[in-house]
Amino acid sequence: MSEEKNTLTNAAGVPIPSNEVSRSAGKYGPLLLEDYTLLEKMAHFNRERIPERVVHAVGSGAYGTFTVTDDITHLTKAKLFSEVGKETEMFVRFSTVAKSKGGSDIYRDIRGFAMKFYTEDGNWDLVGNNTPIFFVRDPMKFMDFIRSQKENPQQNWRQDEMWWDFWSLVPESIHQVLWLMGDRGAPMGWRHMNGYGSHTFSFIDADNQRTWVKFHFKTDQGNKFFTEEQWMHLQGLEPRWATKDLYQAIDEGNYPSWTLHIQTMTEEQAKSFPWNPFDLTKVWPHADYPLQRVGRFELNCNPENFFAEVEQAAFSPGNIVPGISWSPDRMLQARIMSYADTHRHRLGVNYDTIPVNTAHAAKVNAPYRDGLMRVDGNNGSRTNYHPTHHDYPKADESIIPPPSPLEGMADRVELDENDHADQARLFYKMLDEDEKKRLVKNIAGSLGKCMDIIQKHQIALFREVDEDLANRVSTAMGSVQKPKIDPKPGTV
């Protein structure tokens, strides 16, 4: 009897062509809706856990006001930026990524930084993190990355070996790994960290011309962090320290604020950029693309009901307004679909009608009807199809963004640039000696618990970044005791 072939398939048993690379229009083009392998993988991932968020389950939020301080009307026709001094109501939710409900909000992790701007053109959702980069650049890898951060499927607790196992086999993660394991991975609550749109987006001006843009929100409270010993000790005393700190600050009138800066790049500059400008694992150099101040937001009102306003808050990169648009960033392209899809699963198809999510400054006139938990007028007696001779809302063709040229064969083209260590090297070299010591200590304390083969792979990646980093981590791991119970290793 011949040995059965161990072939990966989709849910219908059909073999899949790739579990790592999405199907795109050329190497740098946008992703294709026909990629059912990716769509099924994302849709299934969004439904793995109920009812809490699959990621970013632990968090808190508040209402505030965004105020324009600098004129950028030459870059975008978005109404919230239309004049200096203009104010826009907003809601912001901060979160951790990996822990499930009930977990600590101060442990080492990337922080979510999601913002909803209630503009007169509808809601603009900017869904980012407290780092300008991420671990992966192709969405096909995202679900596996998150699973590596969650509980072991057999033993049901989070284990260092799982995330290092993944990172050691995904070289593009090295830049974000250094951010996470350094001081920035343990911010002192929500108020003392920056926020970033992370992805490349685009501005559309009054002449329908496009400019690529990145968003940076700098904390006005100053960046502060916990040491490894501090957050480990404090989470045993107050696991919701960050939530409590934000609420009490606002309650006492000590309103936290952030200043918005942008980086911009023309389409011509993007064509001659030395690397893919839409790669989520990389930043744009500030020396070449300097920060430009735009405005400031202040959080000044706590929610009245945590469940109704924070737990049911739903953000989606698909929610953009005229004057703002997307880019060919593969991760962003996938999130446009994935975020709204998981909200429909978690909160129901009518999640946009929940008060915290509905438009505050614009009239909603959507064509959607019926569905679970429809509690508004359901569009009354209006005709429910189109085209029709009866009255029906008209589309606004004036807001169609400029066309994007596409080229290349439809295929699974891997973003195989081998420059993953370049920016990680620059990041490591900019750290002072104390920051390097803490980074090495944090890495060694975690990586030192892992199997030898994982350590070997990860040290090799560190060596590509900097020989000094690799040597320091190797030496520091010598004193780390491995846990008594390790997960069963798979095939590496």
Protein backbone atom coordinates (compact mmCIF):
# COMPACT_ATOMS: atom_id res chain seq x y z
CA MET A 1 0.00 0.00 0.00
CA SER A 2 1.45 3.35 -1.03
CA GLU A 3 1.98 6.06 1.56
CA GLU A 4 -0.82 8.64 1.58
CA LYS A 5 0.28 12.03 0.24
CA ASN A 6 0.06 14.74 2.91
CA THR A 7 -1.46 17.48 0.73
CA LEU A 8 -2.98 20.67 2.19
CA THR A 9 -6.52 21.31 0.93
CA ASN A 10 -9.32 23.79 1.43
CA ALA A 11 -12.46 22.99 3.43
CA ALA A 12 -13.96 21.17 0.41
CA GLY A 13 -10.92 18.91 0.09
CA VAL A 14 -9.53 20.68 -2.95
CA PRO A 15 -5.70 20.96 -2.88
CA ILE A 16 -4.52 24.55 -2.42
CA PRO A 17 -1.62 25.94 -4.49
CA SER A 18 0.00 28.01 -1.71
CA ASN A 19 -0.45 28.63 1.99
CA GLU A 20 1.99 31.56 2.15
CA VAL A 21 1.56 33.78 -0.93
CA SER A 22 -1.57 35.62 -2.04
CA ARG A 23 -2.62 35.96 -5.67
CA SER A 24 -1.91 39.43 -7.04
CA ALA A 25 -1.87 41.42 -10.26
CA GLY A 26 1.87 41.37 -10.75
CA LYS A 27 4.51 41.51 -8.04
CA TYR A 28 3.50 44.90 -6.64
CA GLY A 29 -0.11 45.01 -7.78
CA PRO A 30 -3.27 44.66 -5.65
CA LEU A 31 -4.68 41.31 -4.61
CA LEU A 32 -7.36 39.53 -6.63
CA LEU A 33 -10.84 38.74 -5.34
CA GLU A 34 -10.63 35.42 -7.18
CA ASP A 35 -8.11 34.14 -4.62
CA TYR A 36 -10.57 31.83 -2.87
CA THR A 37 -7.79 30.21 -0.86
CA LEU A 38 -7.08 33.53 0.86
CA LEU A 39 -10.77 34.46 1.25
CA GLU A 40 -11.66 31.12 2.81
CA LYS A 41 -8.66 31.25 5.13
CA MET A 42 -9.56 34.75 6.33
CA ALA A 43 -13.28 34.02 6.64
CA HIS A 44 -12.69 30.86 8.66
CA PHE A 45 -10.13 32.62 10.88
CA ASN A 46 -12.64 35.39 11.64
CA ARG A 47 -15.06 32.79 13.00
CA GLU A 48 -12.68 30.71 15.13
CA ARG A 49 -13.77 32.22 18.44
CA ILE A 50 -17.07 33.55 19.73
CA PRO A 51 -18.08 36.01 20.95
CA GLU A 52 -14.88 37.92 21.77
CA ARG A 53 -12.61 39.50 19.18
CA VAL A 54 -10.27 37.02 17.54
CA VAL A 55 -7.45 39.50 18.15
CA HIS A 56 -7.39 42.71 20.22
CA ALA A 57 -9.85 41.20 22.72
CA VAL A 58 -8.48 43.16 25.70
CA GLY A 59 -8.82 46.91 25.47
CA SER A 60 -10.44 50.18 26.46
CA GLY A 61 -11.53 53.35 24.73
CA ALA A 62 -12.81 56.90 24.97
CA TYR A 63 -14.37 59.72 22.98
CA GLY A 64 -12.49 62.80 21.92
CA THR A 65 -12.04 65.59 19.44
CA PHE A 66 -9.63 65.95 16.51
CA THR A 67 -8.61 69.51 15.63
CA VAL A 68 -6.79 70.58 12.45
CA THR A 69 -3.71 72.72 13.18
CA ASP A 70 -2.01 72.85 9.76
CA ASP A 71 -3.32 73.24 6.22
CA ILE A 72 -3.07 70.14 3.99
CA THR A 73 -5.88 70.99 1.56
CA HIS A 74 -3.33 70.87 -1.27
CA LEU A 75 -3.00 67.14 -0.55
CA THR A 76 -6.55 66.00 0.19
CA LYS A 77 -10.14 67.04 -0.31
CA ALA A 78 -11.24 65.14 2.82
CA LYS A 79 -13.63 67.47 4.64
CA LEU A 80 -12.27 66.80 8.13
CA PHE A 81 -9.02 68.51 6.98
CA SER A 82 -10.79 71.32 5.09
CA GLU A 83 -9.69 74.21 7.32
CA VAL A 84 -7.39 75.01 10.21
CA GLY A 85 -9.28 74.90 13.50
CA LYS A 86 -11.93 72.46 12.28
CA GLU A 87 -13.02 69.92 14.91
CA THR A 88 -14.24 66.37 14.34
CA GLU A 89 -15.72 64.06 16.96
CA MET A 90 -13.98 60.71 17.29
CA PHE A 91 -13.81 57.46 19.27
CA VAL A 92 -10.54 55.65 19.98
CA ARG A 93 -10.01 52.09 21.18
CA PHE A 94 -6.66 50.85 22.48
CA SER A 95 -5.94 47.15 22.85
CA THR A 96 -3.44 44.37 23.22
CA VAL A 97 -3.23 41.80 20.43
CA ALA A 98 -2.77 38.26 21.70
CA LYS A 99 -4.46 37.82 25.08
CA SER A 100 -8.05 36.60 25.36
CA LYS A 101 -10.74 38.31 27.43
CA GLY A 102 -9.71 38.53 31.07
CA GLY A 103 -6.02 38.86 30.24
CA SER A 104 -3.64 41.59 31.32
CA ASP A 105 -3.44 44.84 29.34
CA ILE A 106 0.19 45.65 30.23
CA TYR A 107 2.09 42.52 29.20
CA ARG A 108 4.63 42.59 26.37
CA ASP A 109 2.73 42.80 23.10
CA ILE A 110 1.92 45.06 20.17
CA ARG A 111 -0.86 47.54 21.00
CA GLY A 112 -3.84 48.24 18.80
CA PHE A 113 -4.59 51.92 18.10
CA ALA A 114 -7.99 52.17 16.35
CA MET A 115 -9.61 55.53 15.59
CA LYS A 116 -13.09 56.35 14.31
CA PHE A 117 -13.57 59.89 12.96
CA TYR A 118 -17.25 60.89 12.71
CA THR A 119 -16.93 63.16 9.64
CA GLU A 120 -19.71 64.80 7.63
CA ASP A 121 -18.85 62.48 4.74
CA GLY A 122 -19.33 59.42 6.94
CA ASN A 123 -17.06 57.55 9.31
CA TRP A 124 -13.35 57.27 8.60
CA ASP A 125 -11.73 54.36 10.47
CA LEU A 126 -7.95 54.38 10.84
CA VAL A 127 -7.06 51.00 12.30
CA GLY A 128 -3.41 50.89 13.35
CA ASN A 129 -0.94 49.84 16.00
CA ASN A 130 1.64 51.43 18.26
CA THR A 131 4.36 50.46 15.78
CA PRO A 132 4.75 51.67 12.17
CA ILE A 133 5.50 48.16 10.90
CA PHE A 134 4.26 44.58 11.28
CA PHE A 135 5.57 40.99 11.37
CA VAL A 136 4.37 39.86 7.92
CA ARG A 137 3.68 41.52 4.57
CA ASP A 138 1.40 38.94 2.94
CA PRO A 139 -2.05 38.30 4.51
CA MET A 140 -1.79 34.57 3.82
CA LYS A 141 0.65 34.41 6.74
CA PHE A 142 -1.39 36.57 9.13
CA MET A 143 -3.73 33.91 10.50
CA ASP A 144 -0.81 31.57 11.22
CA PHE A 145 1.09 34.39 12.92
CA ILE A 146 -1.83 35.09 15.27
CA ARG A 147 -2.22 31.40 16.08
CA SER A 148 1.45 31.31 17.04
CA GLN A 149 0.69 34.06 19.60
CA LYS A 150 -2.35 32.29 21.06
CA GLU A 151 -2.70 29.20 23.26
CA ASN A 152 -1.14 25.87 22.39
CA PRO A 153 -3.97 23.74 20.89
CA GLN A 154 -3.17 20.79 23.16
CA GLN A 155 -2.08 22.40 26.41
CA ASN A 156 -4.09 25.64 26.13
CA TRP A 157 -1.55 28.17 27.35
CA ARG A 158 0.67 30.64 25.49
CA GLN A 159 4.24 29.46 25.01
CA ASP A 160 7.36 31.33 23.94
CA GLU A 161 8.36 28.43 21.71
CA MET A 162 5.33 28.91 19.46
CA TRP A 163 6.01 32.52 18.49
CA TRP A 164 9.78 32.05 18.12
CA ASP A 165 9.12 28.96 16.01
CA PHE A 166 7.08 31.11 13.61
CA TRP A 167 9.40 34.16 13.65
CA SER A 168 12.52 32.05 13.10
CA LEU A 169 11.03 30.79 9.82
CA VAL A 170 9.71 34.18 8.64
CA PRO A 171 12.74 36.46 8.09
CA GLU A 172 10.59 39.50 7.26
CA SER A 173 9.43 39.53 10.91
CA ILE A 174 12.86 40.49 12.29
CA HIS A 175 12.30 44.28 12.22
CA GLN A 176 9.06 44.07 14.21
CA VAL A 177 10.55 41.48 16.58
CA LEU A 178 13.17 44.01 17.67
CA TRP A 179 10.46 46.64 18.25
CA LEU A 180 8.37 44.18 20.28
CA MET A 181 11.18 42.82 22.44
CA GLY A 182 12.61 46.28 23.16
CA ASP A 183 11.17 49.08 25.29
CA ARG A 184 8.33 49.77 22.83
CA GLY A 185 6.83 46.34 23.48
CA ALA A 186 5.80 47.25 27.04
CA PRO A 187 4.41 50.81 26.98
CA MET A 188 3.31 52.40 30.26
CA GLY A 189 -0.38 52.19 29.51
CA TRP A 190 -2.26 53.60 26.55
CA ARG A 191 -1.43 57.26 27.18
CA HIS A 192 2.35 56.94 26.84
CA MET A 193 2.66 55.36 23.41
CA ASN A 194 2.50 56.53 19.81
CA GLY A 195 -0.01 55.32 17.26
CA TYR A 196 0.50 54.64 13.56
CA GLY A 197 -1.69 53.92 10.56
CA SER A 198 1.18 51.54 9.73
CA HIS A 199 0.02 50.88 6.16
CA THR A 200 0.57 53.21 3.25
CA PHE A 201 -2.67 54.99 2.37
CA SER A 202 -3.40 57.65 -0.24
CA PHE A 203 -4.70 61.20 -0.28
CA ILE A 204 -6.83 62.39 -3.22
CA ASP A 205 -6.87 66.16 -3.86
CA ALA A 206 -9.48 68.42 -5.45
CA ASP A 207 -8.00 67.74 -8.90
CA ASN A 208 -8.31 63.97 -8.34
CA GLN A 209 -4.56 63.53 -8.04
CA ARG A 210 -3.10 60.88 -5.73
CA THR A 211 -0.36 61.16 -3.09
CA TRP A 212 0.81 58.24 -0.95
CA VAL A 213 0.64 58.92 2.79
CA LYS A 214 1.56 57.42 6.17
CA PHE A 215 -0.06 58.51 9.46
CA HIS A 216 1.86 59.04 12.73
CA PHE A 217 0.20 59.97 16.04
CA LYS A 218 2.81 61.14 18.55
CA THR A 219 1.82 61.04 22.22
CA ASP A 220 1.94 64.45 23.89
CA GLN A 221 2.45 62.72 27.25
CA GLY A 222 5.86 61.38 26.18
CA ASN A 223 6.80 57.78 25.45
CA LYS A 224 7.23 55.78 28.65
CA PHE A 225 7.61 52.05 29.20
CA PHE A 226 7.69 49.34 31.85
CA THR A 227 10.75 47.17 32.38
CA GLU A 228 10.17 43.42 32.13
CA GLU A 229 10.22 43.11 35.92
CA GLN A 230 7.80 46.01 36.39
CA TRP A 231 5.01 44.82 34.11
CA MET A 232 5.30 41.23 35.32
CA HIS A 233 4.94 42.38 38.92
CA LEU A 234 2.22 44.94 38.24
CA GLN A 235 -0.06 42.67 36.22
CA GLY A 236 -0.37 40.45 39.30
CA LEU A 237 -1.60 43.45 41.31
CA GLU A 238 -3.69 45.21 38.65
CA PRO A 239 -3.99 43.33 35.33
CA ARG A 240 -6.09 46.19 33.88
CA TRP A 241 -3.63 48.90 34.82
CA ALA A 242 -3.72 50.57 31.39
CA THR A 243 -7.53 50.63 31.31
CA LYS A 244 -7.68 52.09 34.81
CA ASP A 245 -4.98 54.66 34.05
CA LEU A 246 -6.80 55.99 30.97
CA TYR A 247 -10.21 56.11 32.61
CA GLN A 248 -8.99 57.88 35.74
CA ALA A 249 -6.93 60.42 33.79
CA ILE A 250 -9.98 61.45 31.74
CA ASP A 251 -12.26 61.34 34.78
CA GLU A 252 -9.92 63.75 36.59
CA GLY A 253 -9.77 66.13 33.62
CA ASN A 254 -6.20 65.17 32.71
CA TYR A 255 -7.09 64.68 29.05
CA PRO A 256 -4.46 62.76 27.03
CA SER A 257 -3.66 63.95 23.53
CA TRP A 258 -1.73 62.96 20.43
CA THR A 259 -0.36 65.07 17.56
CA LEU A 260 -0.95 63.81 14.02
CA HIS A 261 1.95 63.97 11.57
CA ILE A 262 2.05 62.57 8.04
CA GLN A 263 4.69 61.44 5.59
CA THR A 264 3.88 61.89 1.90
CA MET A 265 5.32 60.39 -1.28
CA THR A 266 4.36 61.18 -4.86
CA GLU A 267 3.53 58.44 -7.33
CA GLU A 268 6.71 59.29 -9.25
CA GLN A 269 8.82 59.00 -6.10
CA ALA A 270 7.24 55.62 -5.37
CA LYS A 271 8.31 54.31 -8.77
CA SER A 272 11.98 55.02 -8.03
CA PHE A 273 11.89 54.10 -4.32
CA PRO A 274 14.72 51.68 -3.41
CA TRP A 275 12.30 49.10 -2.01
CA ASN A 276 8.59 48.36 -2.15
CA PRO A 277 6.98 51.47 -0.56
CA PHE A 278 3.90 49.41 0.33
CA ASP A 279 5.80 46.78 2.35
CA LEU A 280 4.29 46.76 5.86
CA THR A 281 7.52 45.44 7.39
CA LYS A 282 9.40 48.64 6.50
CA VAL A 283 9.28 52.36 7.25
CA TRP A 284 9.94 55.38 5.04
CA PRO A 285 13.13 57.19 6.14
CA HIS A 286 12.22 60.43 7.91
CA ALA A 287 15.25 62.17 6.44
CA ASP A 288 13.89 61.65 2.92
CA TYR A 289 10.19 61.91 3.78
CA PRO A 290 9.97 64.22 6.81
CA LEU A 291 7.04 64.36 9.20
CA GLN A 292 4.52 67.13 8.53
CA ARG A 293 2.23 68.23 11.35
CA VAL A 294 -1.50 68.11 10.61
CA GLY A 295 -3.53 68.24 13.82
CA ARG A 296 -4.11 67.01 17.32
CA PHE A 297 -6.71 64.88 19.03
CA GLU A 298 -7.67 64.89 22.68
CA LEU A 299 -9.61 62.21 24.57
CA ASN A 300 -12.00 63.98 26.92
CA CYS A 301 -15.02 61.74 27.56
CA ASN A 302 -15.23 58.26 29.06
CA PRO A 303 -17.89 55.85 27.78
CA GLU A 304 -21.06 55.52 29.85
CA ASN A 305 -21.26 51.77 29.24
CA PHE A 306 -18.21 49.66 28.47
CA PHE A 307 -20.05 46.86 26.65
CA ALA A 308 -22.25 49.10 24.52
CA GLU A 309 -19.50 51.48 23.48
CA VAL A 310 -16.09 49.78 23.80
CA GLU A 311 -16.90 46.10 23.40
CA GLN A 312 -19.25 46.75 20.47
CA ALA A 313 -17.03 49.32 18.77
CA ALA A 314 -16.15 48.05 15.29
CA PHE A 315 -13.44 49.54 13.08
CA SER A 316 -12.67 48.70 9.47
CA PRO A 317 -10.00 49.91 7.02
CA GLY A 318 -12.79 49.67 4.45
CA ASN A 319 -14.37 52.79 5.98
CA ILE A 320 -12.70 55.63 4.09
CA VAL A 321 -14.09 59.02 3.08
CA PRO A 322 -13.66 61.06 -0.13
CA GLY A 323 -10.12 62.42 -0.19
CA ILE A 324 -8.61 59.35 1.50
CA SER A 325 -8.05 55.96 -0.11
CA TRP A 326 -6.01 52.77 0.01
CA SER A 327 -2.76 51.51 -1.54
CA PRO A 328 -1.53 48.19 -3.03
CA ASP A 329 -0.23 47.13 0.42
CA ARG A 330 -1.22 43.45 0.47
CA MET A 331 -2.00 43.43 4.18
CA LEU A 332 -4.22 46.50 3.84
CA GLN A 333 -6.03 45.02 0.85
CA ALA A 334 -6.91 41.92 2.87
CA ARG A 335 -7.95 43.89 5.96
CA ILE A 336 -10.45 45.86 3.88
CA MET A 337 -12.50 42.66 3.66
CA SER A 338 -11.45 40.84 6.80
CA TYR A 339 -12.31 43.43 9.46
CA ALA A 340 -15.86 44.04 8.29
CA ASP A 341 -16.34 40.30 7.85
CA THR A 342 -15.37 39.52 11.43
CA HIS A 343 -17.69 42.29 12.72
CA ARG A 344 -20.60 40.73 10.83
CA HIS A 345 -19.80 37.46 12.54
CA ARG A 346 -19.18 38.86 16.02
CA LEU A 347 -21.83 41.60 16.19
CA GLY A 348 -24.20 40.73 13.37
CA VAL A 349 -24.69 41.99 9.83
CA ASN A 350 -26.15 45.26 11.12
CA TYR A 351 -23.19 46.15 13.35
CA ASP A 352 -22.95 49.58 11.70
CA THR A 353 -26.29 50.57 13.25
CA ILE A 354 -24.96 50.16 16.82
CA PRO A 355 -24.73 53.74 18.19
CA VAL A 356 -20.97 53.79 18.70
CA ASN A 357 -20.47 52.66 15.10
CA THR A 358 -23.11 54.67 13.28
CA ALA A 359 -22.29 57.94 11.57
CA HIS A 360 -22.72 60.99 13.85
CA ALA A 361 -22.20 63.85 11.39
CA ALA A 362 -23.51 62.29 8.15
CA LYS A 363 -26.84 60.83 7.05
CA VAL A 364 -26.74 57.09 6.45
CA ASN A 365 -28.61 56.08 3.29
CA ALA A 366 -27.34 52.55 2.67
CA PRO A 367 -29.15 50.02 0.44
CA TYR A 368 -28.97 47.22 3.03
CA ARG A 369 -32.05 45.74 4.70
CA ASP A 370 -33.17 43.03 7.04
CA GLY A 371 -30.78 40.70 8.83
CA LEU A 372 -30.29 39.80 12.49
CA MET A 373 -30.88 42.60 15.03
CA ARG A 374 -32.32 45.13 12.58
CA VAL A 375 -33.88 47.58 15.03
CA ASP A 376 -34.14 50.81 13.04
CA GLY A 377 -36.70 51.71 10.36
CA ASN A 378 -35.16 49.22 7.90
CA ASN A 379 -35.53 51.82 5.09
CA GLY A 380 -39.31 51.76 5.50
CA SER A 381 -41.36 51.48 2.31
CA ARG A 382 -38.55 52.50 -0.02
CA THR A 383 -38.06 50.25 -3.04
CA ASN A 384 -35.54 47.57 -2.16
CA TYR A 385 -33.99 47.04 -5.60
CA HIS A 386 -32.14 49.04 -8.27
CA PRO A 387 -32.42 50.16 -11.06
CA THR A 388 -36.01 51.29 -10.62
CA HIS A 389 -38.43 53.95 -11.89
CA HIS A 390 -39.25 54.76 -8.26
CA ASP A 391 -37.25 57.14 -6.05
CA TYR A 392 -33.94 55.64 -5.05
CA PRO A 393 -30.64 57.16 -3.80
CA LYS A 394 -28.11 58.00 -6.52
CA ALA A 395 -24.42 57.11 -6.45
CA ASP A 396 -21.96 60.04 -6.38
CA GLU A 397 -19.62 59.50 -9.32
CA SER A 398 -17.66 62.63 -8.43
CA ILE A 399 -15.86 60.82 -5.63
CA ILE A 400 -14.44 58.01 -7.77
CA PRO A 401 -10.67 58.02 -7.09
CA PRO A 402 -8.17 58.28 -9.95
CA PRO A 403 -7.45 55.01 -11.78
CA SER A 404 -4.45 52.91 -10.83
CA PRO A 405 -2.34 51.35 -13.60
CA LEU A 406 -1.90 47.58 -13.30
CA GLU A 407 0.48 45.22 -15.01
CA GLY A 408 1.73 41.68 -14.64
CA MET A 409 0.33 38.18 -14.93
CA ALA A 410 -2.21 37.03 -12.34
CA ASP A 411 -0.20 34.65 -10.18
CA ARG A 412 1.02 33.96 -6.64
CA VAL A 413 4.07 36.21 -6.76
CA GLU A 414 5.99 36.16 -3.51
CA LEU A 415 7.43 39.40 -2.15
CA ASP A 416 10.83 37.76 -1.94
CA GLU A 417 13.02 40.81 -1.35
CA ASN A 418 15.88 39.70 0.89
CA ASP A 419 16.39 43.08 2.51
CA HIS A 420 14.53 42.18 5.70
CA ALA A 421 17.59 42.86 7.88
CA ASP A 422 18.43 46.34 6.56
CA GLN A 423 15.96 48.39 8.57
CA ALA A 424 16.24 46.10 11.58
CA ARG A 425 19.98 46.84 11.54
CA LEU A 426 19.35 50.60 11.48
CA PHE A 427 16.87 50.20 14.34
CA TYR A 428 19.36 48.26 16.48
CA LYS A 429 22.17 50.74 15.85
CA MET A 430 20.05 53.71 16.93
CA LEU A 431 19.45 52.18 20.37
CA ASP A 432 21.61 53.39 23.23
CA GLU A 433 23.56 50.91 25.34
CA ASP A 434 20.90 50.60 28.06
CA GLU A 435 18.19 49.96 25.46
CA LYS A 436 20.34 47.27 23.85
CA LYS A 437 20.89 45.57 27.21
CA ARG A 438 17.17 45.48 27.94
CA LEU A 439 16.41 44.23 24.42
CA VAL A 440 18.94 41.40 24.72
CA LYS A 441 17.69 40.45 28.19
CA ASN A 442 14.07 40.34 27.01
CA ILE A 443 14.91 38.23 23.95
CA ALA A 444 17.15 35.82 25.84
CA GLY A 445 14.58 35.29 28.59
CA SER A 446 12.02 34.20 26.01
CA LEU A 447 14.03 32.61 23.19
CA GLY A 448 16.14 30.74 25.75
CA LYS A 449 13.12 28.56 26.58
CA CYS A 450 12.89 27.20 23.05
CA MET A 451 14.19 24.12 21.24
CA ASP A 452 17.77 24.29 19.99
CA ILE A 453 16.75 24.29 16.32
CA ILE A 454 14.47 27.32 16.85
CA GLN A 455 17.26 29.14 18.68
CA LYS A 456 19.64 28.31 15.85
CA HIS A 457 17.31 29.69 13.17
CA GLN A 458 16.56 32.87 15.13
CA ILE A 459 20.20 33.57 16.02
CA ALA A 460 21.02 33.24 12.32
CA LEU A 461 18.47 35.97 11.59
CA PHE A 462 19.93 38.14 14.36
CA ARG A 463 23.38 37.62 12.86
CA GLU A 464 22.14 39.03 9.55
CA VAL A 465 21.02 42.12 11.47
CA ASP A 466 24.13 42.62 13.58
CA GLU A 467 26.91 40.33 14.78
CA ASP A 468 26.92 42.08 18.14
CA LEU A 469 23.20 41.41 18.66
CA ALA A 470 23.55 37.72 17.81
CA ASN A 471 26.54 37.28 20.11
CA ARG A 472 24.90 39.09 23.01
CA VAL A 473 21.69 37.05 22.75
CA SER A 474 23.62 33.76 22.45
CA THR A 475 25.63 34.57 25.57
CA ALA A 476 22.60 35.73 27.55
CA MET A 477 20.63 32.57 26.70
CA GLY A 478 23.24 30.46 28.41
CA SER A 479 21.74 31.19 31.83
CA VAL A 480 18.09 30.67 30.88
CA GLN A 481 16.36 27.61 32.28
CA LYS A 482 14.00 25.86 29.90
CA PRO A 483 10.50 25.08 31.23
CA LYS A 484 9.79 21.59 32.51
CA ILE A 485 6.90 21.07 30.08
CA ASP A 486 7.52 21.86 26.41
CA PRO A 487 5.06 21.54 23.56
CA LYS A 488 5.56 18.52 21.36
CA PRO A 489 7.77 19.66 18.49
CA GLY A 490 6.44 19.32 15.01
CA THR A 491 8.44 18.78 11.86
CA VAL A 492 10.90 21.64 11.36
